[in-house]
Amino acid sequence: MAATAAWWLVWPLEYMKSQVQGQYGQPMPILARLRLTIQQRGGFFGLYRGLLPGTIRSFLANGTSMVVMQFAQRKVSELGLRG
């Protein structure tokens, strides 16, 4: 939950990074692209485009990582490899 909440906080920056990396439209400075995105995508909340798929991905990736880590720790303990 904490990782997903942190992801929500930085999502607008991630969205703008993707816009710049993908070179969508004309090449322009980041602040100009930010203003244009806000104007064309419905205001500030336009910066949160794609948040639902990102949230689902975060839950799946973080949840899977936790399950695999628990399994690995159990196996290390069973094999007596803990010091």
N, C-alpha and C. Protein backbone atom coordinates (compact mmCIF):
# COMPACT_ATOMS: atom_id res chain seq x y z
N MET A 1 0.83 -1.20 0.00
CA MET A 1 0.00 0.00 0.00
C MET A 1 0.87 1.26 0.00
N ALA A 2 1.95 1.24 0.78
CA ALA A 2 2.82 2.42 0.88
C ALA A 2 3.48 2.72 -0.46
N ALA A 3 3.93 1.69 -1.15
CA ALA A 3 4.58 1.90 -2.44
C ALA A 3 3.59 2.48 -3.46
N THR A 4 2.36 2.00 -3.43
CA THR A 4 1.35 2.51 -4.36
C THR A 4 0.98 3.94 -4.02
N ALA A 5 0.86 4.26 -2.74
CA ALA A 5 0.56 5.65 -2.34
C ALA A 5 1.69 6.59 -2.77
N ALA A 6 2.91 6.15 -2.63
CA ALA A 6 4.04 6.97 -3.07
C ALA A 6 4.01 7.14 -4.59
N TRP A 7 3.64 6.09 -5.29
CA TRP A 7 3.53 6.15 -6.75
C TRP A 7 2.49 7.18 -7.17
N TRP A 8 1.37 7.24 -6.44
CA TRP A 8 0.33 8.23 -6.75
C TRP A 8 0.86 9.65 -6.61
N LEU A 9 1.70 9.87 -5.60
CA LEU A 9 2.24 11.22 -5.38
C LEU A 9 3.13 11.68 -6.53
N VAL A 10 3.92 10.78 -7.07
CA VAL A 10 4.85 11.17 -8.12
C VAL A 10 4.33 10.88 -9.53
N TRP A 11 3.09 10.41 -9.64
CA TRP A 11 2.54 10.04 -10.94
C TRP A 11 2.61 11.18 -11.96
N PRO A 12 2.27 12.42 -11.62
CA PRO A 12 2.38 13.49 -12.64
C PRO A 12 3.80 13.63 -13.18
N LEU A 13 4.80 13.47 -12.35
CA LEU A 13 6.19 13.54 -12.82
C LEU A 13 6.51 12.36 -13.74
N GLU A 14 6.03 11.20 -13.37
CA GLU A 14 6.22 10.00 -14.20
C GLU A 14 5.54 10.17 -15.56
N TYR A 15 4.33 10.73 -15.53
CA TYR A 15 3.58 10.96 -16.76
C TYR A 15 4.35 11.93 -17.67
N MET A 16 4.86 13.01 -17.11
CA MET A 16 5.60 13.99 -17.89
C MET A 16 6.90 13.38 -18.42
N LYS A 17 7.57 12.56 -17.62
CA LYS A 17 8.78 11.88 -18.07
C LYS A 17 8.48 11.01 -19.29
N SER A 18 7.36 10.31 -19.24
CA SER A 18 6.97 9.46 -20.37
C SER A 18 6.68 10.30 -21.61
N GLN A 19 6.05 11.44 -21.40
CA GLN A 19 5.76 12.34 -22.53
C GLN A 19 7.06 12.82 -23.18
N VAL A 20 8.03 13.19 -22.37
CA VAL A 20 9.30 13.69 -22.90
C VAL A 20 10.07 12.55 -23.58
N GLN A 21 10.13 11.38 -22.95
CA GLN A 21 10.86 10.25 -23.52
C GLN A 21 10.23 9.78 -24.83
N GLY A 22 8.91 9.81 -24.88
CA GLY A 22 8.21 9.38 -26.09
C GLY A 22 8.19 10.43 -27.17
N GLN A 23 8.64 11.64 -26.85
CA GLN A 23 8.66 12.77 -27.77
C GLN A 23 7.32 12.96 -28.47
N TYR A 24 6.24 12.95 -27.66
CA TYR A 24 4.91 13.15 -28.21
C TYR A 24 4.77 14.60 -28.65
N GLY A 25 4.42 14.81 -29.91
CA GLY A 25 4.24 16.17 -30.41
C GLY A 25 5.58 16.84 -30.68
N GLN A 26 5.58 18.14 -30.58
CA GLN A 26 6.78 18.94 -30.84
C GLN A 26 7.77 18.83 -29.70
N PRO A 27 9.08 18.83 -30.01
CA PRO A 27 10.07 18.91 -28.92
C PRO A 27 9.94 20.24 -28.20
N MET A 28 9.85 20.22 -26.87
CA MET A 28 9.70 21.46 -26.10
C MET A 28 10.20 21.25 -24.69
N PRO A 29 10.50 22.36 -24.01
CA PRO A 29 10.96 22.24 -22.61
C PRO A 29 9.88 21.60 -21.74
N ILE A 30 10.31 21.02 -20.62
CA ILE A 30 9.40 20.28 -19.74
C ILE A 30 8.27 21.16 -19.18
N LEU A 31 8.58 22.40 -18.81
CA LEU A 31 7.53 23.27 -18.26
C LEU A 31 6.51 23.65 -19.32
N ALA A 32 6.96 23.87 -20.54
CA ALA A 32 6.02 24.16 -21.63
C ALA A 32 5.13 22.95 -21.90
N ARG A 33 5.73 21.77 -21.87
CA ARG A 33 4.95 20.53 -22.07
C ARG A 33 3.95 20.33 -20.93
N LEU A 34 4.37 20.66 -19.71
CA LEU A 34 3.48 20.55 -18.56
C LEU A 34 2.27 21.47 -18.73
N ARG A 35 2.52 22.73 -19.08
CA ARG A 35 1.41 23.67 -19.31
C ARG A 35 0.48 23.18 -20.42
N LEU A 36 1.06 22.73 -21.51
CA LEU A 36 0.26 22.24 -22.64
C LEU A 36 -0.58 21.04 -22.24
N THR A 37 0.00 20.13 -21.51
CA THR A 37 -0.73 18.93 -21.05
C THR A 37 -1.89 19.33 -20.16
N ILE A 38 -1.66 20.24 -19.24
CA ILE A 38 -2.74 20.69 -18.34
C ILE A 38 -3.85 21.35 -19.14
N GLN A 39 -3.50 22.14 -20.13
CA GLN A 39 -4.52 22.82 -20.95
C GLN A 39 -5.31 21.84 -21.80
N GLN A 40 -4.63 20.87 -22.38
CA GLN A 40 -5.28 19.99 -23.35
C GLN A 40 -5.92 18.74 -22.74
N ARG A 41 -5.51 18.34 -21.55
CA ARG A 41 -5.98 17.08 -20.97
C ARG A 41 -6.96 17.26 -19.81
N GLY A 42 -7.55 18.42 -19.68
CA GLY A 42 -8.58 18.59 -18.66
C GLY A 42 -8.08 19.08 -17.32
N GLY A 43 -7.07 19.92 -17.33
CA GLY A 43 -6.58 20.50 -16.09
C GLY A 43 -5.57 19.62 -15.38
N PHE A 44 -5.39 19.89 -14.09
CA PHE A 44 -4.40 19.20 -13.29
C PHE A 44 -4.60 17.69 -13.30
N PHE A 45 -5.85 17.24 -13.27
CA PHE A 45 -6.12 15.80 -13.21
C PHE A 45 -5.76 15.09 -14.51
N GLY A 46 -5.53 15.85 -15.57
CA GLY A 46 -5.04 15.26 -16.81
C GLY A 46 -3.65 14.67 -16.65
N LEU A 47 -2.93 15.14 -15.63
CA LEU A 47 -1.60 14.60 -15.34
C LEU A 47 -1.67 13.20 -14.72
N TYR A 48 -2.86 12.81 -14.29
CA TYR A 48 -3.04 11.49 -13.68
C TYR A 48 -3.59 10.47 -14.67
N ARG A 49 -3.45 10.76 -15.95
CA ARG A 49 -3.90 9.84 -16.98
C ARG A 49 -3.10 8.54 -16.86
N GLY A 50 -3.78 7.40 -16.90
CA GLY A 50 -3.12 6.10 -16.81
C GLY A 50 -2.87 5.63 -15.39
N LEU A 51 -3.44 6.34 -14.41
CA LEU A 51 -3.19 5.98 -13.01
C LEU A 51 -3.75 4.60 -12.65
N LEU A 52 -4.91 4.24 -13.15
CA LEU A 52 -5.51 2.94 -12.81
C LEU A 52 -4.64 1.77 -13.29
N PRO A 53 -4.21 1.74 -14.56
CA PRO A 53 -3.32 0.64 -14.96
C PRO A 53 -2.00 0.64 -14.17
N GLY A 54 -1.49 1.83 -13.85
CA GLY A 54 -0.26 1.91 -13.05
C GLY A 54 -0.46 1.37 -11.65
N THR A 55 -1.62 1.63 -11.08
CA THR A 55 -1.94 1.13 -9.74
C THR A 55 -2.06 -0.39 -9.74
N ILE A 56 -2.73 -0.93 -10.73
CA ILE A 56 -2.88 -2.38 -10.85
C ILE A 56 -1.50 -3.03 -11.00
N ARG A 57 -0.67 -2.45 -11.84
CA ARG A 57 0.69 -2.96 -12.03
C ARG A 57 1.48 -2.91 -10.73
N SER A 58 1.33 -1.84 -9.98
CA SER A 58 2.05 -1.69 -8.72
C SER A 58 1.64 -2.77 -7.72
N PHE A 59 0.34 -2.99 -7.59
CA PHE A 59 -0.14 -4.02 -6.67
C PHE A 59 0.36 -5.41 -7.08
N LEU A 60 0.29 -5.71 -8.38
CA LEU A 60 0.73 -7.02 -8.84
C LEU A 60 2.24 -7.20 -8.65
N ALA A 61 3.02 -6.21 -9.04
CA ALA A 61 4.48 -6.33 -8.95
C ALA A 61 4.93 -6.39 -7.50
N ASN A 62 4.42 -5.50 -6.65
CA ASN A 62 4.83 -5.48 -5.25
C ASN A 62 4.33 -6.71 -4.50
N GLY A 63 3.12 -7.14 -4.79
CA GLY A 63 2.58 -8.34 -4.15
C GLY A 63 3.37 -9.58 -4.54
N THR A 64 3.68 -9.70 -5.81
CA THR A 64 4.47 -10.83 -6.27
C THR A 64 5.85 -10.83 -5.64
N SER A 65 6.46 -9.66 -5.57
CA SER A 65 7.78 -9.55 -4.95
C SER A 65 7.76 -10.00 -3.49
N MET A 66 6.72 -9.64 -2.76
CA MET A 66 6.62 -10.02 -1.36
C MET A 66 6.47 -11.53 -1.21
N VAL A 67 5.65 -12.14 -2.06
CA VAL A 67 5.44 -13.58 -2.00
C VAL A 67 6.74 -14.32 -2.32
N VAL A 68 7.45 -13.88 -3.37
CA VAL A 68 8.71 -14.53 -3.75
C VAL A 68 9.75 -14.36 -2.65
N MET A 69 9.82 -13.17 -2.05
CA MET A 69 10.79 -12.93 -0.98
C MET A 69 10.51 -13.84 0.23
N GLN A 70 9.26 -13.98 0.61
CA GLN A 70 8.91 -14.87 1.72
C GLN A 70 9.31 -16.31 1.42
N PHE A 71 9.02 -16.75 0.19
CA PHE A 71 9.39 -18.11 -0.21
C PHE A 71 10.90 -18.30 -0.14
N ALA A 72 11.65 -17.34 -0.66
CA ALA A 72 13.11 -17.44 -0.66
C ALA A 72 13.66 -17.46 0.77
N GLN A 73 13.10 -16.63 1.64
CA GLN A 73 13.57 -16.62 3.03
C GLN A 73 13.28 -17.95 3.72
N ARG A 74 12.13 -18.53 3.45
CA ARG A 74 11.77 -19.82 4.04
C ARG A 74 12.74 -20.90 3.56
N LYS A 75 13.05 -20.90 2.26
CA LYS A 75 13.96 -21.90 1.71
C LYS A 75 15.37 -21.75 2.28
N VAL A 76 15.83 -20.52 2.44
CA VAL A 76 17.15 -20.28 3.02
C VAL A 76 17.20 -20.80 4.45
N SER A 77 16.13 -20.56 5.20
CA SER A 77 16.07 -21.07 6.58
C SER A 77 16.04 -22.59 6.61
N GLU A 78 15.24 -23.20 5.73
CA GLU A 78 15.14 -24.67 5.68
C GLU A 78 16.48 -25.32 5.34
N LEU A 79 17.25 -24.67 4.49
CA LEU A 79 18.54 -25.22 4.07
C LEU A 79 19.66 -24.90 5.06
N GLY A 80 19.31 -24.17 6.12
CA GLY A 80 20.30 -23.85 7.15
C GLY A 80 21.34 -22.86 6.69
N LEU A 81 21.02 -22.01 5.78
CA LEU A 81 21.99 -21.06 5.23
C LEU A 81 21.98 -19.72 5.96
N ARG A 82 21.12 -19.57 6.95
CA ARG A 82 21.11 -18.33 7.75
C ARG A 82 22.21 -18.40 8.78
N GLY A 83 22.89 -17.28 8.95
CA GLY A 83 24.00 -17.27 9.89
C GLY A 83 23.66 -16.81 11.26
